[in-house]
Amino acid sequence: MFADLQGLPPLLIQAGSNELLLDDAVRLAGRAAADDTPVTLEVTPGVPHLFQAFAAILEEGDAALNRVTSSSGRHSGRDVRDERQCVRCGSTPRAAGRAVHR
């Protein structure tokens, strides 16, 4: 948390309330704000570290990834929401609806 964060593009930091690194995420967001870097910190209740990796079975993870891709698109000028792929089967949200594996 000692880096100079000035000049970075807007940051979206996501953590779960049960996240092992929650304190670090909060400190990073505070440091970015202190360096005048636009930052959004999202803390999702009741989810663990890397909850976004479980997007196929965890609605909070799917919603978090949608916010990431939406945010990325806003800042890059591209709509990247339909470029996501399931790591298990390679399906995309557009091609398969919402891929659900059990």
Protein backbone atom coordinates (compact mmCIF):
# COMPACT_ATOMS: atom_id res chain seq x y z
CA MET A 1 0.00 0.00 0.00
CA PHE A 2 2.98 2.28 -0.43
CA ALA A 3 2.71 2.75 -4.20
CA ASP A 4 1.84 6.02 -5.88
CA LEU A 5 -1.60 5.39 -7.40
CA GLN A 6 -1.94 8.75 -9.15
CA GLY A 7 -2.78 8.58 -12.82
CA LEU A 8 -4.29 5.11 -12.76
CA PRO A 9 -7.57 4.50 -14.58
CA PRO A 10 -10.65 4.18 -12.36
CA LEU A 11 -10.40 1.21 -9.99
CA LEU A 12 -13.19 -1.20 -9.10
CA ILE A 13 -12.25 -3.19 -6.00
CA GLN A 14 -14.52 -6.06 -5.00
CA ALA A 15 -14.32 -8.06 -1.79
CA GLY A 16 -16.61 -10.26 0.22
CA SER A 17 -17.42 -9.56 3.84
CA ASN A 18 -15.80 -12.93 4.66
CA GLU A 19 -12.78 -12.05 2.51
CA LEU A 20 -9.40 -12.82 4.02
CA LEU A 21 -8.01 -9.70 2.37
CA LEU A 22 -10.91 -7.35 3.16
CA ASP A 23 -8.74 -5.02 5.25
CA ASP A 24 -6.25 -4.78 2.37
CA ALA A 25 -9.05 -3.98 -0.09
CA VAL A 26 -10.28 -1.19 2.17
CA ARG A 27 -6.75 0.18 2.58
CA LEU A 28 -6.16 0.07 -1.19
CA ALA A 29 -9.39 1.97 -1.84
CA GLY A 30 -8.42 4.58 0.75
CA ARG A 31 -4.96 4.95 -0.73
CA ALA A 32 -6.36 5.34 -4.27
CA ALA A 33 -8.79 8.00 -3.09
CA ALA A 34 -5.98 9.84 -1.28
CA ASP A 35 -4.02 9.83 -4.57
CA ASP A 36 -7.04 11.26 -6.45
CA THR A 37 -7.61 8.04 -8.39
CA PRO A 38 -11.30 7.33 -9.00
CA VAL A 39 -12.17 4.23 -6.98
CA THR A 40 -15.24 2.16 -6.19
CA LEU A 41 -15.10 -0.34 -3.33
CA GLU A 42 -17.81 -3.01 -3.29
CA VAL A 43 -18.12 -5.28 -0.24
CA THR A 44 -20.57 -8.11 -0.86
CA PRO A 45 -22.09 -9.56 2.32
CA GLY A 46 -21.58 -13.22 3.22
CA VAL A 47 -19.25 -14.28 0.41
CA PRO A 48 -15.67 -15.61 0.59
CA HIS A 49 -12.39 -14.80 -1.16
CA LEU A 50 -12.66 -15.13 -4.97
CA PHE A 51 -16.46 -15.34 -4.88
CA GLN A 52 -16.51 -14.07 -8.48
CA ALA A 53 -14.92 -17.36 -9.59
CA PHE A 54 -18.15 -19.12 -8.59
CA ALA A 55 -20.34 -17.00 -10.89
CA ALA A 56 -21.89 -20.10 -12.48
CA ILE A 57 -23.38 -21.18 -9.14
CA LEU A 58 -23.33 -18.04 -6.99
CA GLU A 59 -25.61 -15.17 -8.00
CA GLU A 60 -23.45 -12.65 -6.12
CA GLY A 61 -20.44 -13.74 -8.17
CA ASP A 62 -22.34 -13.44 -11.44
CA ALA A 63 -23.61 -9.97 -10.49
CA ALA A 64 -20.09 -8.89 -9.48
CA LEU A 65 -18.64 -10.02 -12.82
CA ASN A 66 -21.40 -8.18 -14.65
CA ARG A 67 -20.41 -5.01 -12.79
CA VAL A 68 -16.75 -5.57 -13.69
CA THR A 69 -17.48 -6.01 -17.39
CA SER A 70 -19.88 -3.07 -17.38
CA SER A 71 -17.27 -0.88 -15.68
CA SER A 72 -14.55 -2.06 -18.08
CA GLY A 73 -16.75 -1.27 -21.04
CA ARG A 74 -17.52 2.24 -19.79
CA HIS A 75 -13.85 3.05 -19.47
CA SER A 76 -12.61 1.28 -22.61
CA GLY A 77 -15.45 2.26 -24.94
CA ARG A 78 -16.28 -1.42 -25.63
CA ASP A 79 -19.19 -3.58 -24.53
CA VAL A 80 -17.36 -6.60 -23.10
CA ARG A 81 -20.28 -8.15 -21.23
CA ASP A 82 -20.83 -10.89 -23.83
CA GLU A 83 -17.15 -11.79 -24.06
CA ARG A 84 -17.11 -13.71 -20.75
CA GLN A 85 -16.73 -17.48 -20.94
CA CYS A 86 -17.41 -20.26 -18.48
CA VAL A 87 -14.09 -21.76 -17.37
CA ARG A 88 -15.65 -25.24 -17.22
CA CYS A 89 -17.41 -25.51 -20.57
CA GLY A 90 -16.43 -22.41 -22.55
CA SER A 91 -20.03 -21.30 -23.03
CA THR A 92 -20.83 -17.60 -23.08
CA PRO A 93 -23.76 -15.90 -21.35
CA ARG A 94 -25.24 -14.96 -24.72
CA ALA A 95 -24.88 -18.44 -26.23
CA ALA A 96 -26.15 -20.43 -23.27
CA GLY A 97 -28.27 -18.07 -21.26
CA ARG A 98 -26.62 -18.21 -17.85
CA ALA A 99 -24.41 -21.29 -17.67
CA VAL A 100 -25.27 -23.22 -14.54
CA HIS A 101 -23.24 -26.26 -13.45
CA ARG A 102 -24.11 -28.46 -10.56
